[in-house]
Amino acid sequence: MLGSTGTARATKRFALVAVTTLAVTLLGAGPAAGQAQAAPLPPDQGWRSCGSLLINKASVDNRGDMFKVNMVPSHALRVPHPSVGAAWGDLRNCVTFPNLDTLRQQFDCHAAFGRKEPEWNMESDRFSNPDWKTDNPTRHKCNWGSSDGGGSS
């Protein structure tokens, strides 16, 4: 039988494990992060204003077996050396979708090479491509592999 000190320690350990598990789940870390098959599909979310200096509006299209995140960058995001991390955070706050590695890679690619495009589209069914910078971005135009969403810019 545990004494009061042992019970208190066990309770603290349980609470720490529960909080850590919740944080990992909410932040998208863990073994399922970056895996399109394991991530649940988000609901359709029509175009909405993001209230951001970097992103004018965004939407999410659920296509059944994949989804597509669409956004219109503001002028501030189209200039060289934008605050890409802040813009990604603004997009994640504007519309809800699983935090897949490939979506962030496509977003970063658009910021680096397609920033003058009027609309950016990121498809969940593109494979993770951590080497997108050295994989001839002028050829793939941030659209590596194939996608059912097709034709993103």
Protein backbone atom coordinates (compact mmCIF):
# COMPACT_ATOMS: atom_id res chain seq x y z
CA MET A 1 0.00 0.00 0.00
CA LEU A 2 1.29 3.47 -0.87
CA GLY A 3 1.69 6.10 1.80
CA SER A 4 0.47 9.64 1.27
CA THR A 5 3.86 10.65 -0.22
CA GLY A 6 3.77 7.71 -2.65
CA THR A 7 0.19 8.48 -3.64
CA ALA A 8 1.05 12.13 -4.26
CA ARG A 9 4.02 11.16 -6.46
CA ALA A 10 1.93 8.67 -8.44
CA THR A 11 -0.77 11.30 -8.94
CA LYS A 12 1.82 13.85 -10.13
CA ARG A 13 3.34 11.30 -12.55
CA PHE A 14 -0.09 10.45 -13.94
CA ALA A 15 -0.92 14.13 -14.39
CA LEU A 16 2.42 14.76 -16.14
CA VAL A 17 1.87 11.86 -18.54
CA ALA A 18 -1.70 13.02 -19.25
CA VAL A 19 -0.62 16.62 -19.94
CA THR A 20 2.30 15.49 -22.12
CA THR A 21 0.01 13.20 -24.14
CA LEU A 22 -2.51 16.00 -24.59
CA ALA A 23 0.21 18.44 -25.70
CA VAL A 24 1.64 15.96 -28.23
CA THR A 25 -1.84 15.33 -29.62
CA LEU A 26 -2.71 19.04 -29.91
CA LEU A 27 0.64 20.08 -31.37
CA GLY A 28 0.68 17.33 -33.98
CA ALA A 29 3.88 15.70 -32.77
CA GLY A 30 4.35 12.00 -32.32
CA PRO A 31 4.36 9.05 -34.69
CA ALA A 32 1.34 10.14 -36.76
CA ALA A 33 2.72 13.62 -37.52
CA GLY A 34 3.51 14.08 -41.19
CA GLN A 35 1.64 10.95 -42.30
CA ALA A 36 -1.24 11.76 -44.62
CA GLN A 37 -2.86 8.34 -44.17
CA ALA A 38 -3.01 8.63 -40.35
CA ALA A 39 -4.39 12.17 -40.24
CA PRO A 40 -8.14 12.69 -40.16
CA LEU A 41 -9.55 14.77 -42.97
CA PRO A 42 -10.66 18.25 -41.92
CA PRO A 43 -14.14 19.52 -42.79
CA ASP A 44 -14.72 21.85 -45.73
CA GLN A 45 -14.06 25.44 -44.72
CA GLY A 46 -15.12 28.10 -47.19
CA TRP A 47 -13.07 31.19 -47.91
CA ARG A 48 -12.67 33.29 -44.79
CA SER A 49 -10.75 36.45 -43.97
CA CYS A 50 -7.76 35.61 -41.79
CA GLY A 51 -7.37 38.97 -40.02
CA SER A 52 -3.65 38.75 -40.78
CA LEU A 53 -1.18 41.19 -42.26
CA LEU A 54 0.38 38.27 -44.16
CA ILE A 55 -2.62 36.24 -45.37
CA ASN A 56 -5.75 37.82 -46.84
CA LYS A 57 -8.00 34.75 -46.85
CA ALA A 58 -7.91 30.97 -46.75
CA SER A 59 -10.08 27.89 -47.23
CA VAL A 60 -9.92 24.10 -46.94
CA ASP A 61 -11.48 21.72 -49.50
CA ASN A 62 -12.14 18.16 -48.32
CA ARG A 63 -11.94 15.95 -51.39
CA GLY A 64 -12.88 12.65 -49.73
CA ASP A 65 -9.49 10.92 -49.70
CA MET A 66 -7.36 14.08 -49.46
CA PHE A 67 -7.75 17.76 -48.69
CA LYS A 68 -6.46 20.99 -50.15
CA VAL A 69 -5.51 24.13 -48.20
CA ASN A 70 -5.91 27.31 -50.28
CA MET A 71 -4.77 30.80 -49.39
CA VAL A 72 -4.34 34.26 -50.84
CA PRO A 73 -1.14 35.88 -49.56
CA SER A 74 -1.14 39.59 -48.79
CA HIS A 75 1.36 41.94 -50.38
CA ALA A 76 3.52 41.71 -47.23
CA LEU A 77 4.03 37.96 -47.79
CA ARG A 78 4.92 38.44 -51.45
CA VAL A 79 8.04 40.50 -50.80
CA PRO A 80 11.47 38.87 -50.38
CA HIS A 81 12.31 37.51 -46.92
CA PRO A 82 8.78 37.43 -45.49
CA SER A 83 8.11 36.18 -42.00
CA VAL A 84 7.29 32.65 -43.15
CA GLY A 85 6.97 31.19 -39.65
CA ALA A 86 4.51 33.88 -38.60
CA ALA A 87 2.53 33.43 -41.83
CA TRP A 88 2.30 29.66 -41.25
CA GLY A 89 0.99 30.37 -37.76
CA ASP A 90 -1.57 32.81 -39.18
CA LEU A 91 -2.76 30.19 -41.68
CA ARG A 92 -3.05 27.55 -38.93
CA ASN A 93 -5.10 30.03 -36.87
CA CYS A 94 -7.35 30.93 -39.81
CA VAL A 95 -8.37 27.44 -41.00
CA THR A 96 -8.11 24.05 -39.31
CA PHE A 97 -6.18 21.15 -40.83
CA PRO A 98 -3.77 18.41 -39.70
CA ASN A 99 -0.18 19.60 -39.38
CA LEU A 100 1.43 17.48 -42.11
CA ASP A 101 5.09 17.91 -43.03
CA THR A 102 4.26 18.07 -46.75
CA LEU A 103 1.84 20.99 -46.26
CA ARG A 104 4.49 23.04 -44.45
CA GLN A 105 7.07 22.13 -47.12
CA GLN A 106 4.71 23.25 -49.90
CA PHE A 107 3.96 26.46 -47.97
CA ASP A 108 7.69 27.21 -47.51
CA CYS A 109 8.30 26.46 -51.19
CA HIS A 110 5.56 28.90 -52.24
CA ALA A 111 7.05 31.55 -49.95
CA ALA A 112 10.49 31.05 -51.48
CA PHE A 113 9.68 30.47 -55.16
CA GLY A 114 6.00 31.21 -55.81
CA ARG A 115 5.39 34.22 -53.63
CA LYS A 116 4.08 36.32 -56.52
CA GLU A 117 1.36 33.79 -57.35
CA PRO A 118 -2.10 35.19 -56.52
CA GLU A 119 -3.18 31.98 -54.73
CA TRP A 120 -1.24 29.21 -53.01
CA ASN A 121 -2.61 25.66 -52.79
CA MET A 122 -1.18 22.85 -50.67
CA GLU A 123 -2.43 19.28 -51.16
CA SER A 124 -2.36 16.66 -48.42
CA ASP A 125 -1.69 13.76 -50.78
CA ARG A 126 1.73 15.02 -51.91
CA PHE A 127 4.55 13.05 -50.33
CA SER A 128 6.81 14.66 -47.75
CA ASN A 129 9.77 16.19 -49.56
CA PRO A 130 12.29 17.61 -47.07
CA ASP A 131 14.74 18.14 -49.98
CA TRP A 132 12.35 20.34 -51.97
CA LYS A 133 14.90 23.19 -52.04
CA THR A 134 17.48 21.06 -53.86
CA ASP A 135 14.96 19.07 -55.92
CA ASN A 136 14.75 21.69 -58.71
CA PRO A 137 11.91 23.89 -57.40
CA THR A 138 11.75 25.81 -60.69
CA ARG A 139 10.75 22.53 -62.35
CA HIS A 140 8.29 21.14 -59.79
CA LYS A 141 6.94 24.60 -58.82
CA CYS A 142 6.11 23.34 -55.32
CA ASN A 143 4.00 20.54 -56.87
CA TRP A 144 6.21 17.47 -56.45
CA GLY A 145 4.82 14.04 -57.12
CA SER A 146 1.23 13.66 -58.23
CA SER A 147 -1.91 14.88 -56.53
CA ASP A 148 -5.61 14.37 -57.01
CA GLY A 149 -5.95 18.06 -56.12
CA GLY A 150 -3.85 18.96 -59.15
CA GLY A 151 -2.74 22.25 -60.56
CA SER A 152 -1.75 24.13 -57.43
CA SER A 153 0.43 27.14 -57.74
